Protein backbone atom coordinates (compact mmCIF):
# COMPACT_ATOMS: atom_id res chain seq x y z
CA UNK A 1 37.50 51.48 -146.58
CA UNK A 2 39.18 50.40 -149.80
CA UNK A 3 41.21 47.26 -149.09
CA UNK A 4 43.69 48.23 -151.81
CA UNK A 5 44.63 51.35 -149.82
CA UNK A 6 45.44 49.48 -146.61
CA UNK A 7 49.17 49.31 -146.04
CA UNK A 8 50.30 45.86 -144.83
CA UNK A 9 50.75 45.75 -141.05
CA UNK A 10 54.34 44.57 -141.38
CA UNK A 11 55.23 47.77 -143.25
CA UNK A 12 53.62 50.25 -140.87
CA UNK A 13 55.92 52.41 -138.80
CA UNK A 14 55.44 52.36 -135.01
CA UNK A 15 54.25 55.48 -133.22
CA UNK A 16 56.83 57.77 -131.63
CA UNK A 17 56.33 56.00 -128.28
CA UNK A 18 56.99 52.61 -129.90
CA UNK A 19 53.34 51.54 -129.87
CA UNK A 20 52.03 49.87 -132.98
CA UNK A 21 50.05 52.15 -135.27
CA UNK A 22 46.27 52.21 -134.96
CA UNK A 23 44.63 53.03 -138.26
CA UNK A 24 41.02 52.72 -137.14
CA UNK A 25 38.50 50.04 -136.37
CA UNK A 26 38.19 48.95 -140.02
CA UNK A 27 41.78 47.64 -139.82
CA UNK A 28 41.56 46.20 -136.30
CA UNK A 29 41.22 42.43 -136.87
CA UNK A 30 39.24 41.56 -133.69
CA UNK A 31 36.66 44.21 -134.57
CA UNK A 32 36.40 43.19 -138.23
CA UNK A 33 36.10 39.48 -137.37
CA UNK A 34 33.50 40.23 -134.70
CA UNK A 35 31.42 42.34 -137.08
CA UNK A 36 31.62 39.73 -139.86
CA UNK A 37 30.63 36.97 -137.43
CA UNK A 38 27.78 39.04 -136.01
CA UNK A 39 26.42 39.73 -139.50
CA UNK A 40 26.63 36.07 -140.52
CA UNK A 41 25.10 34.87 -137.27
CA UNK A 42 22.26 37.42 -137.36
CA UNK A 43 21.07 36.16 -140.74
CA UNK A 44 21.60 32.52 -139.82
CA UNK A 45 19.84 32.87 -136.46
CA UNK A 46 16.83 34.34 -138.23
CA UNK A 47 16.72 31.31 -140.54
CA UNK A 48 17.17 28.93 -137.62
CA UNK A 49 14.43 30.63 -135.57
CA UNK A 50 12.01 30.11 -138.47
CA UNK A 51 12.93 26.40 -138.28
CA UNK A 52 12.48 26.21 -134.48
CA UNK A 53 16.22 25.95 -133.85
CA UNK A 54 19.06 27.90 -132.29
CA UNK A 55 22.65 28.27 -133.43
CA UNK A 56 23.67 25.78 -130.74
CA UNK A 57 21.13 23.23 -131.99
CA UNK A 58 22.61 23.63 -135.48
CA UNK A 59 26.16 23.19 -134.20
CA UNK A 60 25.20 20.05 -132.28
CA UNK A 61 23.53 18.52 -135.34
CA UNK A 62 26.48 19.51 -137.54
CA UNK A 63 29.08 17.94 -135.24
CA UNK A 64 26.99 14.81 -134.70
CA UNK A 65 26.54 14.49 -138.47
CA UNK A 66 30.35 14.39 -138.73
CA UNK A 67 31.07 12.40 -135.56
CA UNK A 68 28.02 10.73 -134.05
CA UNK A 69 28.13 9.49 -130.49
CA UNK A 70 30.22 12.23 -128.92
CA UNK A 71 30.20 12.60 -125.15
CA UNK A 72 28.82 15.76 -123.57
CA UNK A 73 32.23 17.19 -122.67
CA UNK A 74 33.64 16.63 -126.17
CA UNK A 75 30.52 18.06 -127.77
CA UNK A 76 30.78 21.08 -125.46
CA UNK A 77 34.38 21.68 -126.55
CA UNK A 78 33.47 21.40 -130.23
CA UNK A 79 30.42 23.66 -129.96
CA UNK A 80 32.16 26.16 -127.70
CA UNK A 81 29.66 26.10 -124.83
CA UNK A 82 29.72 24.98 -121.22
CA UNK A 83 28.14 21.68 -120.22
CA UNK A 84 25.17 23.29 -118.43
CA UNK A 85 24.17 25.29 -121.54
CA UNK A 86 24.70 22.26 -123.74
CA UNK A 87 22.66 20.05 -121.41
CA UNK A 88 19.69 22.44 -121.61
CA UNK A 89 19.95 22.48 -125.42
CA UNK A 90 20.16 18.68 -125.54
CA UNK A 91 16.98 18.43 -123.47
CA UNK A 92 15.14 20.58 -126.02
CA UNK A 93 16.63 18.59 -128.89
CA UNK A 94 15.65 15.28 -127.25
CA UNK A 95 12.06 16.47 -126.92
CA UNK A 96 12.11 17.43 -130.62
CA UNK A 97 13.33 13.91 -131.46
CA UNK A 98 16.64 15.12 -132.93
CA UNK A 99 19.06 13.42 -130.52
CA UNK A 100 19.18 10.77 -127.81
CA UNK A 101 21.45 10.47 -124.81
CA UNK A 102 22.52 6.84 -124.61
CA UNK A 103 24.90 5.03 -122.28
CA UNK A 104 28.41 5.04 -123.67
CA UNK A 105 29.15 1.42 -124.58
CA UNK A 106 32.78 1.88 -123.46
CA UNK A 107 31.96 3.56 -120.12
CA UNK A 108 28.48 3.32 -118.61
CA UNK A 109 29.17 6.31 -116.35
CA UNK A 110 29.16 8.54 -119.45
CA UNK A 111 26.54 9.21 -122.11
CA UNK A 112 26.94 9.34 -125.86
CA UNK A 113 24.88 11.84 -127.81
CA UNK A 114 23.43 10.16 -130.90
CA UNK A 115 21.74 11.92 -133.77
CA UNK A 116 18.34 10.43 -134.62
CA UNK A 117 16.72 10.23 -138.08
CA UNK A 118 14.65 13.38 -137.36
CA UNK A 119 17.86 15.23 -136.44
CA UNK A 120 19.53 14.11 -139.67
CA UNK A 121 16.46 15.19 -141.64
CA UNK A 122 16.38 18.58 -139.90
CA UNK A 123 20.08 19.11 -140.59
CA UNK A 124 19.61 18.22 -144.29
CA UNK A 125 16.57 20.52 -144.45
CA UNK A 126 18.44 23.55 -143.02
CA UNK A 127 21.73 22.94 -144.83
CA UNK A 128 20.65 24.57 -148.14
CA UNK A 129 19.48 27.63 -146.20
CA UNK A 130 22.85 27.81 -144.45
CA UNK A 131 24.61 27.37 -147.77
CA UNK A 132 22.70 30.36 -149.23
CA UNK A 133 24.10 32.55 -146.45
CA UNK A 134 27.61 31.23 -147.08
CA UNK A 135 27.33 31.90 -150.81
CA UNK A 136 26.16 35.45 -150.11
CA UNK A 137 29.03 35.98 -147.64
CA UNK A 138 31.71 34.94 -150.13
CA UNK A 139 30.15 36.60 -153.16
CA UNK A 140 32.88 38.07 -155.32
CA UNK A 141 35.63 35.89 -153.85
CA UNK A 142 37.32 33.41 -156.15
CA UNK A 143 37.63 29.78 -155.08
CA UNK A 144 41.32 30.40 -154.34
CA UNK A 145 40.39 33.40 -152.16
CA UNK A 146 37.77 31.32 -150.33
CA UNK A 147 40.31 28.57 -149.67
CA UNK A 148 42.84 31.15 -148.49
CA UNK A 149 40.24 32.75 -146.22
CA UNK A 150 39.40 29.38 -144.62
CA UNK A 151 43.07 28.54 -144.24
CA UNK A 152 43.88 31.89 -142.62
CA UNK A 153 40.90 31.83 -140.27
CA UNK A 154 41.87 28.33 -139.13
CA UNK A 155 45.48 29.47 -138.63
CA UNK A 156 44.29 32.40 -136.50
CA UNK A 157 42.11 30.05 -134.44
CA UNK A 158 45.05 27.66 -133.96
CA UNK A 159 47.34 30.53 -132.97
CA UNK A 160 44.88 31.68 -130.35
CA UNK A 161 44.02 28.26 -128.93
CA UNK A 162 47.28 26.37 -129.30
């Protein structure tokens, strides 16, 4: 569908029964976002598999690269998975030498997940491959359009979670 032909939602007339208009799946935001995410993830998961990783392993390394020493519950919130799934992933990542579960210095009842040198190296190794997928995804978008896209996606996320 040609984006230039799509009439802005705010200017669409409601149906006779008052329901909002439905102009097809190509204009239905949840569908379009889902399809874009699925396409991005399919390519990225293929890259990650070739590196012996999963998308969750990547997310864990990415968040720990930004904020090392997160607790399991905080890391679960950031990565969007439940603690049981995260715990299984952390076990695999510990065996690979990417992370360590250490006692939290502020509360010994909790553990802090620390990224190890091998985890940092793996993250740095995969990052250019991830960047190639990003560059392909935004091909043809100006820097202003990319910034607007990121801003709008974050606004949508905030609207739905806040």
